[in-house]
Amino acid sequence: MPCGRSDYHYSTSTGYANYHALQAELQRRFANGLQALVSYTWSKCLGVSSGWCNVENGTNGGAVTENYFNQSLSYGPCAFDIPQDVTLSADYGLPFGRGKKYLTHGPLAWAFGNWETNLFFIGRSGQNFQITNGSGDPAAISGTGGIGKTSVSGDDRPDVVPGQPLIPSNQSQLQWFNPAALCIIPSSPGQTVPKGALAPMCTDVLPGSFSVFGDLGLSVLRDQFFYNVDFSLSRRFRISELKSLQIRAEAFNVFNMQILGIPGADVTSGTLGVIHSIASTPRELQLGAKFVF
């Protein structure tokens, strides 16, 4: 290109990532109408960025590199990294009705026969999330033009306070991690602790009062382990050779298990480490019918 213009956006592919996994599957058909499928994945994804467009199905999707001059500082778990994932699907035809072991004829056979049940279970590791240093550019590298065209504030991390445990011994909804274990890196000389913030200010600075990059590891914290059970009961009523009616009763999150959401992750906030949401969907019941002809 013989010349360039300031209003053009130049991009280069410099990011890198790797993914490794062990996958196992067991399928078995038992006697008397029972069949089951179990799948398990043990995996690890590491990289320097989880993408630009926030479409990677993770809480950190779209996070950029903290320091473009040293991407290795942002090498860590991908936003969509789920180390452990297990699913179980089971189908069972109840032993009632024509051709089954019990209630093979009569009105009871018509009413209670040929019902099928399905159970689906999923359990997986919690998703990682990133604690940010709040607004501003802690290392003062944005300036005007050049790298300033892309803000780094989406992935700036705070410092870790020596001697303070990051995970409390009594981890709970009110304190998923210890706010006192982190400190706020000032974005300008003389900055004081924001009103209501639970974390103190950091004291580390470079010559000339320039702040440093935070030393908290990338995505070192995860939310609660996720698990869910769905259940359904269905039956097909044959009306004629070509016509039938299927009815279904379905329960999603049948045990109404509540999984905690992501805690406050802005180190300048007064809700740092506190969880105010749930990641699961409350129990849902659904009835349906389908006419096939």
C-alpha atoms as a PDB file:
ATOM      1  CA  MET A   1       0.000   0.000   0.000  1.00  0.00           C
ATOM      2  CA  PRO A   2       1.730   3.245  -1.103  1.00  0.00           C
ATOM      3  CA  CYS A   3       0.005   5.453   1.451  1.00  0.00           C
ATOM      4  CA  GLY A   4      -2.368   5.251   4.387  1.00  0.00           C
ATOM      5  CA  ARG A   5      -5.184   7.248   5.922  1.00  0.00           C
ATOM      6  CA  SER A   6      -5.997   7.806   9.572  1.00  0.00           C
ATOM      7  CA  ASP A   7      -9.668   6.889   9.112  1.00  0.00           C
ATOM      8  CA  TYR A   8      -8.861   3.375   7.916  1.00  0.00           C
ATOM      9  CA  HIS A   9      -8.909   0.471  10.368  1.00  0.00           C
ATOM     10  CA  TYR A  10      -6.013  -1.926   9.968  1.00  0.00           C
ATOM     11  CA  SER A  11      -6.204  -5.374  11.529  1.00  0.00           C
ATOM     12  CA  THR A  12      -3.813  -8.266  11.887  1.00  0.00           C
ATOM     13  CA  SER A  13      -4.350 -11.836  13.109  1.00  0.00           C
ATOM     14  CA  THR A  14      -2.016 -12.225  16.073  1.00  0.00           C
ATOM     15  CA  GLY A  15      -4.137 -14.180  18.540  1.00  0.00           C
ATOM     16  CA  TYR A  16      -3.636 -17.861  19.280  1.00  0.00           C
ATOM     17  CA  ALA A  17      -5.413 -20.599  21.222  1.00  0.00           C
ATOM     18  CA  ASN A  18      -5.430 -24.359  21.662  1.00  0.00           C
ATOM     19  CA  TYR A  19      -8.027 -26.920  22.707  1.00  0.00           C
ATOM     20  CA  HIS A  20      -7.517 -30.474  23.956  1.00  0.00           C
ATOM     21  CA  ALA A  21     -10.186 -32.907  25.100  1.00  0.00           C
ATOM     22  CA  LEU A  22     -10.927 -36.473  26.104  1.00  0.00           C
ATOM     23  CA  GLN A  23     -14.395 -37.618  25.040  1.00  0.00           C
ATOM     24  CA  ALA A  24     -16.142 -40.822  26.085  1.00  0.00           C
ATOM     25  CA  GLU A  25     -19.589 -42.214  25.328  1.00  0.00           C
ATOM     26  CA  LEU A  26     -21.463 -45.243  26.622  1.00  0.00           C
ATOM     27  CA  GLN A  27     -24.737 -46.424  25.095  1.00  0.00           C
ATOM     28  CA  ARG A  28     -26.684 -49.440  26.273  1.00  0.00           C
ATOM     29  CA  ARG A  29     -30.042 -50.977  25.374  1.00  0.00           C
ATOM     30  CA  PHE A  30     -31.415 -53.006  28.250  1.00  0.00           C
ATOM     31  CA  ALA A  31     -34.278 -55.476  28.318  1.00  0.00           C
ATOM     32  CA  ASN A  32     -37.871 -54.444  28.923  1.00  0.00           C
ATOM     33  CA  GLY A  33     -37.722 -51.093  27.094  1.00  0.00           C
ATOM     34  CA  LEU A  34     -34.888 -49.303  28.911  1.00  0.00           C
ATOM     35  CA  GLN A  35     -32.047 -47.592  27.054  1.00  0.00           C
ATOM     36  CA  ALA A  36     -29.452 -45.070  28.226  1.00  0.00           C
ATOM     37  CA  LEU A  37     -26.730 -42.867  26.779  1.00  0.00           C
ATOM     38  CA  VAL A  38     -23.940 -41.298  28.867  1.00  0.00           C
ATOM     39  CA  SER A  39     -21.470 -38.801  27.401  1.00  0.00           C
ATOM     40  CA  TYR A  40     -18.467 -37.248  29.149  1.00  0.00           C
ATOM     41  CA  THR A  41     -15.963 -34.594  28.070  1.00  0.00           C
ATOM     42  CA  TRP A  42     -12.793 -33.574  29.898  1.00  0.00           C
ATOM     43  CA  SER A  43     -11.282 -30.599  28.121  1.00  0.00           C
ATOM     44  CA  LYS A  44      -9.055 -27.555  28.322  1.00  0.00           C
ATOM     45  CA  CYS A  45      -9.006 -24.451  26.127  1.00  0.00           C
ATOM     46  CA  LEU A  46      -6.246 -21.860  26.498  1.00  0.00           C
ATOM     47  CA  GLY A  47      -5.685 -18.700  24.492  1.00  0.00           C
ATOM     48  CA  VAL A  48      -4.884 -14.997  24.536  1.00  0.00           C
ATOM     49  CA  SER A  49      -8.364 -13.777  23.576  1.00  0.00           C
ATOM     50  CA  SER A  50     -11.835 -15.240  23.273  1.00  0.00           C
ATOM     51  CA  GLY A  51     -12.855 -13.303  20.206  1.00  0.00           C
ATOM     52  CA  TRP A  52     -13.856  -9.877  19.062  1.00  0.00           C
ATOM     53  CA  CYS A  53     -17.599 -10.143  18.491  1.00  0.00           C
ATOM     54  CA  ASN A  54     -18.747 -11.644  21.816  1.00  0.00           C
ATOM     55  CA  VAL A  55     -20.236 -14.721  20.142  1.00  0.00           C
ATOM     56  CA  GLU A  56     -18.174 -17.421  21.832  1.00  0.00           C
ATOM     57  CA  ASN A  57     -20.778 -18.421  24.444  1.00  0.00           C
ATOM     58  CA  GLY A  58     -18.774 -17.386  27.470  1.00  0.00           C
ATOM     59  CA  THR A  59     -18.870 -14.674  30.094  1.00  0.00           C
ATOM     60  CA  ASN A  60     -15.579 -13.327  28.741  1.00  0.00           C
ATOM     61  CA  GLY A  61     -16.502 -13.579  25.061  1.00  0.00           C
ATOM     62  CA  GLY A  62     -15.226 -10.562  23.195  1.00  0.00           C
ATOM     63  CA  ALA A  63     -12.597  -9.650  25.817  1.00  0.00           C
ATOM     64  CA  VAL A  64      -9.500  -8.165  24.246  1.00  0.00           C
ATOM     65  CA  THR A  65      -5.852  -8.564  25.140  1.00  0.00           C
ATOM     66  CA  GLU A  66      -4.756  -6.509  28.140  1.00  0.00           C
ATOM     67  CA  ASN A  67      -1.328  -5.620  26.760  1.00  0.00           C
ATOM     68  CA  TYR A  68      -0.933  -5.738  22.982  1.00  0.00           C
ATOM     69  CA  PHE A  69       2.856  -5.575  23.334  1.00  0.00           C
ATOM     70  CA  ASN A  70       2.965  -8.758  25.417  1.00  0.00           C
ATOM     71  CA  GLN A  71       0.004 -11.018  24.641  1.00  0.00           C
ATOM     72  CA  SER A  72       1.380 -13.812  26.795  1.00  0.00           C
ATOM     73  CA  LEU A  73       0.194 -11.844  29.857  1.00  0.00           C
ATOM     74  CA  SER A  74      -3.359 -12.600  28.721  1.00  0.00           C
ATOM     75  CA  TYR A  75      -2.789 -16.311  28.079  1.00  0.00           C
ATOM     76  CA  GLY A  76      -5.286 -18.324  30.078  1.00  0.00           C
ATOM     77  CA  PRO A  77      -8.586 -20.242  29.972  1.00  0.00           C
ATOM     78  CA  CYS A  78     -10.865 -19.347  27.080  1.00  0.00           C
ATOM     79  CA  ALA A  79     -14.195 -17.753  27.924  1.00  0.00           C
ATOM     80  CA  PHE A  80     -15.997 -20.928  26.833  1.00  0.00           C
ATOM     81  CA  ASP A  81     -13.653 -23.308  28.693  1.00  0.00           C
ATOM     82  CA  ILE A  82     -15.704 -26.018  30.479  1.00  0.00           C
ATOM     83  CA  PRO A  83     -13.272 -28.590  31.977  1.00  0.00           C
ATOM     84  CA  GLN A  84     -15.875 -31.192  32.990  1.00  0.00           C
ATOM     85  CA  ASP A  85     -19.122 -31.950  31.174  1.00  0.00           C
ATOM     86  CA  VAL A  86     -21.350 -35.001  31.603  1.00  0.00           C
ATOM     87  CA  THR A  87     -24.799 -35.735  30.152  1.00  0.00           C
ATOM     88  CA  LEU A  88     -27.170 -38.642  30.725  1.00  0.00           C
ATOM     89  CA  SER A  89     -30.213 -39.493  28.633  1.00  0.00           C
ATOM     90  CA  ALA A  90     -32.494 -42.382  29.530  1.00  0.00           C
ATOM     91  CA  ASP A  91     -35.689 -43.673  27.899  1.00  0.00           C
ATOM     92  CA  TYR A  92     -38.006 -46.194  29.507  1.00  0.00           C
ATOM     93  CA  GLY A  93     -41.263 -47.678  28.232  1.00  0.00           C
ATOM     94  CA  LEU A  94     -43.553 -48.485  31.148  1.00  0.00           C
ATOM     95  CA  PRO A  95     -44.393 -52.228  31.309  1.00  0.00           C
ATOM     96  CA  PHE A  96     -48.155 -51.765  30.852  1.00  0.00           C
ATOM     97  CA  GLY A  97     -50.379 -52.331  27.828  1.00  0.00           C
ATOM     98  CA  ARG A  98     -50.652 -54.619  24.850  1.00  0.00           C
ATOM     99  CA  GLY A  99     -47.494 -56.653  24.314  1.00  0.00           C
ATOM    100  CA  LYS A 100     -46.074 -55.670  27.730  1.00  0.00           C
ATOM    101  CA  LYS A 101     -45.777 -57.598  30.995  1.00  0.00           C
ATOM    102  CA  TYR A 102     -48.736 -56.085  32.871  1.00  0.00           C
ATOM    103  CA  LEU A 103     -52.251 -54.909  31.994  1.00  0.00           C
ATOM    104  CA  THR A 104     -52.168 -56.503  28.564  1.00  0.00           C
ATOM    105  CA  HIS A 105     -55.887 -56.091  27.798  1.00  0.00           C
ATOM    106  CA  GLY A 106     -59.038 -54.343  28.910  1.00  0.00           C
ATOM    107  CA  PRO A 107     -59.829 -50.697  29.774  1.00  0.00           C
ATOM    108  CA  LEU A 108     -56.820 -50.378  32.113  1.00  0.00           C
ATOM    109  CA  ALA A 109     -54.517 -51.479  29.335  1.00  0.00           C
ATOM    110  CA  TRP A 110     -55.914 -48.740  27.105  1.00  0.00           C
ATOM    111  CA  ALA A 111     -55.613 -46.075  29.831  1.00  0.00           C
ATOM    112  CA  PHE A 112     -52.214 -46.910  31.302  1.00  0.00           C
ATOM    113  CA  GLY A 113     -50.514 -48.828  28.510  1.00  0.00           C
ATOM    114  CA  ASN A 114     -47.710 -47.774  26.172  1.00  0.00           C
ATOM    115  CA  TRP A 115     -46.514 -44.718  28.115  1.00  0.00           C
ATOM    116  CA  GLU A 116     -42.873 -43.699  27.637  1.00  0.00           C
ATOM    117  CA  THR A 117     -40.677 -41.696  29.981  1.00  0.00           C
ATOM    118  CA  ASN A 118     -37.533 -39.722  29.226  1.00  0.00           C
ATOM    119  CA  LEU A 119     -34.973 -38.261  31.605  1.00  0.00           C
ATOM    120  CA  PHE A 120     -32.150 -35.893  30.669  1.00  0.00           C
ATOM    121  CA  PHE A 121     -29.391 -34.792  33.067  1.00  0.00           C
ATOM    122  CA  ILE A 122     -26.533 -32.375  32.484  1.00  0.00           C
ATOM    123  CA  GLY A 123     -23.734 -31.480  34.882  1.00  0.00           C
ATOM    124  CA  ARG A 124     -20.773 -29.284  34.043  1.00  0.00           C
ATOM    125  CA  SER A 125     -18.083 -27.143  35.586  1.00  0.00           C
ATOM    126  CA  GLY A 126     -18.884 -23.512  36.269  1.00  0.00           C
ATOM    127  CA  GLN A 127     -17.950 -20.907  33.668  1.00  0.00           C
ATOM    128  CA  ASN A 128     -14.967 -18.706  34.313  1.00  0.00           C
ATOM    129  CA  PHE A 129     -15.439 -14.977  34.675  1.00  0.00           C
ATOM    130  CA  GLN A 130     -13.051 -12.042  34.729  1.00  0.00           C
ATOM    131  CA  ILE A 131     -12.684  -9.391  37.422  1.00  0.00           C
ATOM    132  CA  THR A 132     -12.032  -6.039  35.789  1.00  0.00           C
ATOM    133  CA  ASN A 133     -10.271  -2.982  37.159  1.00  0.00           C
ATOM    134  CA  GLY A 134     -13.196  -0.705  36.356  1.00  0.00           C
ATOM    135  CA  SER A 135     -13.130   2.224  33.967  1.00  0.00           C
ATOM    136  CA  GLY A 136      -9.967   3.722  32.561  1.00  0.00           C
ATOM    137  CA  ASP A 137      -6.755   2.456  31.060  1.00  0.00           C
ATOM    138  CA  PRO A 138      -4.539   1.365  33.993  1.00  0.00           C
ATOM    139  CA  ALA A 139      -1.291   1.287  32.020  1.00  0.00           C
ATOM    140  CA  ALA A 140      -1.989   4.588  30.228  1.00  0.00           C
ATOM    141  CA  ILE A 141      -1.193   3.160  26.788  1.00  0.00           C
ATOM    142  CA  SER A 142      -4.311   4.258  24.918  1.00  0.00           C
ATOM    143  CA  GLY A 143      -3.549   7.925  24.242  1.00  0.00           C
ATOM    144  CA  THR A 144      -4.808   9.189  20.892  1.00  0.00           C
ATOM    145  CA  GLY A 145      -4.774   7.314  17.614  1.00  0.00           C
ATOM    146  CA  GLY A 146      -2.983   4.019  17.029  1.00  0.00           C
ATOM    147  CA  ILE A 147      -3.739   1.553  19.776  1.00  0.00           C
ATOM    148  CA  GLY A 148      -6.210   4.036  21.262  1.00  0.00           C
ATOM    149  CA  LYS A 149      -8.619   3.120  18.472  1.00  0.00           C
ATOM    150  CA  THR A 150      -9.355  -0.052  20.438  1.00  0.00           C
ATOM    151  CA  SER A 151      -9.986   0.282  24.163  1.00  0.00           C
ATOM    152  CA  VAL A 152      -8.247  -2.191  26.470  1.00  0.00           C
ATOM    153  CA  SER A 153     -10.582  -1.479  29.385  1.00  0.00           C
ATOM    154  CA  GLY A 154     -12.590  -4.635  28.707  1.00  0.00           C
ATOM    155  CA  ASP A 155      -9.793  -6.858  29.953  1.00  0.00           C
ATOM    156  CA  ASP A 156      -7.762  -4.782  32.420  1.00  0.00           C
ATOM    157  CA  ARG A 157      -7.286  -6.753  35.621  1.00  0.00           C
ATOM    158  CA  PRO A 158      -6.660  -5.632  39.220  1.00  0.00           C
ATOM    159  CA  ASP A 159      -3.712  -6.510  41.434  1.00  0.00           C
ATOM    160  CA  VAL A 160      -3.695  -9.282  44.032  1.00  0.00           C
ATOM    161  CA  VAL A 161      -3.056  -8.235  47.637  1.00  0.00           C
ATOM    162  CA  PRO A 162      -0.331 -10.451  49.193  1.00  0.00           C
ATOM    163  CA  GLY A 163      -1.388 -12.516  52.187  1.00  0.00           C
ATOM    164  CA  GLN A 164      -5.110 -12.389  51.453  1.00  0.00           C
ATOM    165  CA  PRO A 165      -6.911 -15.577  50.317  1.00  0.00           C
ATOM    166  CA  LEU A 166      -8.830 -15.051  47.089  1.00  0.00           C
ATOM    167  CA  ILE A 167     -11.393 -17.777  47.862  1.00  0.00           C
ATOM    168  CA  PRO A 168     -12.959 -17.524  51.347  1.00  0.00           C
ATOM    169  CA  SER A 169     -13.295 -20.666  53.461  1.00  0.00           C
ATOM    170  CA  ASN A 170     -17.069 -20.114  53.750  1.00  0.00           C
ATOM    171  CA  GLN A 171     -17.790 -19.277  50.101  1.00  0.00           C
ATOM    172  CA  SER A 172     -21.399 -18.145  49.701  1.00  0.00           C
ATOM    173  CA  GLN A 173     -23.741 -15.963  47.672  1.00  0.00           C
ATOM    174  CA  LEU A 174     -22.742 -12.941  49.756  1.00  0.00           C
ATOM    175  CA  GLN A 175     -19.013 -13.511  49.282  1.00  0.00           C
ATOM    176  CA  TRP A 176     -18.084 -15.718  46.338  1.00  0.00           C
ATOM    177  CA  PHE A 177     -14.537 -14.378  46.497  1.00  0.00           C
ATOM    178  CA  ASN A 178     -12.697 -12.088  48.914  1.00  0.00           C
ATOM    179  CA  PRO A 179     -12.808  -8.395  47.865  1.00  0.00           C
ATOM    180  CA  ALA A 180      -9.959  -7.601  50.249  1.00  0.00           C
ATOM    181  CA  ALA A 181      -7.683  -9.873  48.193  1.00  0.00           C
ATOM    182  CA  LEU A 182      -7.788  -7.415  45.278  1.00  0.00           C
ATOM    183  CA  CYS A 183      -6.829  -3.770  44.892  1.00  0.00           C
ATOM    184  CA  ILE A 184      -7.779  -1.071  42.394  1.00  0.00           C
ATOM    185  CA  ILE A 185      -5.032   0.053  40.029  1.00  0.00           C
ATOM    186  CA  PRO A 186      -5.300   3.851  39.630  1.00  0.00           C
ATOM    187  CA  SER A 187      -5.749   5.156  36.115  1.00  0.00           C
ATOM    188  CA  SER A 188      -4.318   8.542  37.073  1.00  0.00           C
ATOM    189  CA  PRO A 189      -1.964   9.838  39.821  1.00  0.00           C
ATOM    190  CA  GLY A 190      -3.684  10.593  43.111  1.00  0.00           C
ATOM    191  CA  GLN A 191      -6.828   8.615  42.365  1.00  0.00           C
ATOM    192  CA  THR A 192      -8.718   7.659  45.519  1.00  0.00           C
ATOM    193  CA  VAL A 193     -10.994   4.736  46.305  1.00  0.00           C
ATOM    194  CA  PRO A 194     -14.412   5.193  44.633  1.00  0.00           C
ATOM    195  CA  LYS A 195     -17.305   5.709  47.014  1.00  0.00           C
ATOM    196  CA  GLY A 196     -18.737   2.411  48.215  1.00  0.00           C
ATOM    197  CA  ALA A 197     -15.927   0.266  46.765  1.00  0.00           C
ATOM    198  CA  LEU A 198     -14.942  -2.766  48.827  1.00  0.00           C
ATOM    199  CA  ALA A 199     -11.379  -3.076  47.473  1.00  0.00           C
ATOM    200  CA  PRO A 200      -8.502  -0.732  48.445  1.00  0.00           C
ATOM    201  CA  MET A 201      -6.283   1.222  46.036  1.00  0.00           C
ATOM    202  CA  CYS A 202      -3.041  -0.350  44.822  1.00  0.00           C
ATOM    203  CA  THR A 203       0.277   1.382  45.501  1.00  0.00           C
ATOM    204  CA  ASP A 204       2.366  -0.109  42.689  1.00  0.00           C
ATOM    205  CA  VAL A 205       3.407   2.482  40.104  1.00  0.00           C
ATOM    206  CA  LEU A 206       6.124   2.870  37.506  1.00  0.00           C
ATOM    207  CA  PRO A 207       8.510   5.865  37.290  1.00  0.00           C
ATOM    208  CA  GLY A 208       6.569   8.947  36.267  1.00  0.00           C
ATOM    209  CA  SER A 209       3.493   7.776  38.251  1.00  0.00           C
ATOM    210  CA  PHE A 210       2.367   5.450  35.474  1.00  0.00           C
ATOM    211  CA  SER A 211       0.268   2.545  36.687  1.00  0.00           C
ATOM    212  CA  VAL A 212       1.165  -1.088  36.076  1.00  0.00           C
ATOM    213  CA  PHE A 213      -0.868  -3.911  34.598  1.00  0.00           C
ATOM    214  CA  GLY A 214      -2.721  -6.006  37.143  1.00  0.00           C
ATOM    215  CA  ASP A 215      -1.209  -9.331  38.156  1.00  0.00           C
ATOM    216  CA  LEU A 216      -4.490 -11.197  38.752  1.00  0.00           C
ATOM    217  CA  GLY A 217      -4.467 -14.252  36.518  1.00  0.00           C
ATOM    218  CA  LEU A 218      -6.814 -14.476  33.563  1.00  0.00           C
ATOM    219  CA  SER A 219     -10.132 -16.202  34.332  1.00  0.00           C
ATOM    220  CA  VAL A 220      -8.922 -17.764  37.578  1.00  0.00           C
ATOM    221  CA  LEU A 221     -12.418 -17.730  39.119  1.00  0.00           C
ATOM    222  CA  ARG A 222     -15.519 -19.711  38.153  1.00  0.00           C
ATOM    223  CA  ASP A 223     -19.181 -19.526  39.032  1.00  0.00           C
ATOM    224  CA  GLN A 224     -21.155 -22.398  40.592  1.00  0.00           C
ATOM    225  CA  PHE A 225     -21.134 -25.933  39.190  1.00  0.00           C
ATOM    226  CA  PHE A 226     -24.169 -26.251  36.907  1.00  0.00           C
ATOM    227  CA  TYR A 227     -26.579 -29.196  36.897  1.00  0.00           C
ATOM    228  CA  ASN A 228     -30.118 -29.709  35.618  1.00  0.00           C
ATOM    229  CA  VAL A 229     -32.671 -32.501  35.201  1.00  0.00           C
ATOM    230  CA  ASP A 230     -35.527 -32.559  32.646  1.00  0.00           C
ATOM    231  CA  PHE A 231     -38.274 -35.193  32.558  1.00  0.00           C
ATOM    232  CA  SER A 232     -41.074 -36.043  30.146  1.00  0.00           C
ATOM    233  CA  LEU A 233     -43.957 -38.505  29.899  1.00  0.00           C
ATOM    234  CA  SER A 234     -45.592 -39.247  26.555  1.00  0.00           C
ATOM    235  CA  ARG A 235     -47.955 -41.613  24.808  1.00  0.00           C
ATOM    236  CA  ARG A 236     -49.110 -42.196  21.278  1.00  0.00           C
ATOM    237  CA  PHE A 237     -52.753 -43.147  20.718  1.00  0.00           C
ATOM    238  CA  ARG A 238     -53.302 -44.935  17.432  1.00  0.00           C
ATOM    239  CA  ILE A 239     -56.571 -43.846  15.818  1.00  0.00           C
ATOM    240  CA  SER A 240     -56.206 -45.634  12.494  1.00  0.00           C
ATOM    241  CA  GLU A 241     -53.424 -47.038  10.344  1.00  0.00           C
ATOM    242  CA  LEU A 242     -52.362 -43.541   9.218  1.00  0.00           C
ATOM    243  CA  LYS A 243     -53.614 -41.380  12.060  1.00  0.00           C
ATOM    244  CA  SER A 244     -52.467 -41.058  15.659  1.00  0.00           C
ATOM    245  CA  LEU A 245     -52.511 -38.621  18.560  1.00  0.00           C
ATOM    246  CA  GLN A 246     -49.450 -38.014  20.732  1.00  0.00           C
ATOM    247  CA  ILE A 247     -49.714 -36.271  24.103  1.00  0.00           C
ATOM    248  CA  ARG A 248     -46.752 -35.130  26.192  1.00  0.00           C
ATOM    249  CA  ALA A 249     -46.176 -33.782  29.694  1.00  0.00           C
ATOM    250  CA  GLU A 250     -42.761 -32.180  30.166  1.00  0.00           C
ATOM    251  CA  ALA A 251     -40.966 -30.724  33.179  1.00  0.00           C
ATOM    252  CA  PHE A 252     -37.831 -28.642  32.662  1.00  0.00           C
ATOM    253  CA  ASN A 253     -35.613 -28.339  35.745  1.00  0.00           C
ATOM    254  CA  VAL A 254     -38.000 -30.795  37.367  1.00  0.00           C
ATOM    255  CA  PHE A 255     -36.376 -30.501  40.829  1.00  0.00           C
ATOM    256  CA  ASN A 256     -36.342 -26.679  40.614  1.00  0.00           C
ATOM    257  CA  MET A 257     -32.634 -26.512  41.404  1.00  0.00           C
ATOM    258  CA  GLN A 258     -31.299 -22.975  41.751  1.00  0.00           C
ATOM    259  CA  ILE A 259     -27.785 -22.330  40.417  1.00  0.00           C
ATOM    260  CA  LEU A 260     -26.114 -19.092  41.438  1.00  0.00           C
ATOM    261  CA  GLY A 261     -25.127 -16.612  38.743  1.00  0.00           C
ATOM    262  CA  ILE A 262     -21.968 -14.558  38.299  1.00  0.00           C
ATOM    263  CA  PRO A 263     -20.911 -12.307  41.204  1.00  0.00           C
ATOM    264  CA  GLY A 264     -20.135  -8.620  40.909  1.00  0.00           C
ATOM    265  CA  ALA A 265     -16.808  -8.459  39.098  1.00  0.00           C
ATOM    266  CA  ASP A 266     -15.981  -4.731  38.894  1.00  0.00           C
ATOM    267  CA  VAL A 267     -13.286  -4.090  41.493  1.00  0.00           C
ATOM    268  CA  THR A 268     -14.513  -0.501  41.952  1.00  0.00           C
ATOM    269  CA  SER A 269     -18.056  -1.618  42.778  1.00  0.00           C
ATOM    270  CA  GLY A 270     -19.707  -1.999  46.157  1.00  0.00           C
ATOM    271  CA  THR A 271     -21.113  -5.388  45.088  1.00  0.00           C
ATOM    272  CA  LEU A 272     -17.730  -6.974  44.363  1.00  0.00           C
ATOM    273  CA  GLY A 273     -17.999 -10.718  45.030  1.00  0.00           C
ATOM    274  CA  VAL A 274     -21.754 -10.600  45.753  1.00  0.00           C
ATOM    275  CA  ILE A 275     -24.181 -12.656  43.640  1.00  0.00           C
ATOM    276  CA  HIS A 276     -27.529 -11.074  42.750  1.00  0.00           C
ATOM    277  CA  SER A 277     -28.755 -13.462  40.055  1.00  0.00           C
ATOM    278  CA  ILE A 278     -29.271 -17.122  39.203  1.00  0.00           C
ATOM    279  CA  ALA A 279     -27.938 -18.955  36.158  1.00  0.00           C
ATOM    280  CA  SER A 280     -30.673 -21.587  36.084  1.00  0.00           C
ATOM    281  CA  THR A 281     -34.230 -21.281  34.823  1.00  0.00           C
ATOM    282  CA  PRO A 282     -36.967 -21.994  37.418  1.00  0.00           C
ATOM    283  CA  ARG A 283     -39.058 -25.139  36.907  1.00  0.00           C
ATOM    284  CA  GLU A 284     -41.233 -25.046  33.800  1.00  0.00           C
ATOM    285  CA  LEU A 285     -44.178 -27.412  33.151  1.00  0.00           C
ATOM    286  CA  GLN A 286     -45.507 -27.948  29.659  1.00  0.00           C
ATOM    287  CA  LEU A 287     -48.378 -29.968  28.194  1.00  0.00           C
ATOM    288  CA  GLY A 288     -48.670 -30.663  24.499  1.00  0.00           C
ATOM    289  CA  ALA A 289     -50.534 -32.693  21.907  1.00  0.00           C
ATOM    290  CA  LYS A 290     -49.717 -33.577  18.325  1.00  0.00           C
ATOM    291  CA  PHE A 291     -52.055 -35.068  15.725  1.00  0.00           C
ATOM    292  CA  VAL A 292     -50.257 -37.101  13.080  1.00  0.00           C
ATOM    293  CA  PHE A 293     -52.018 -37.928   9.808  1.00  0.00           C
END
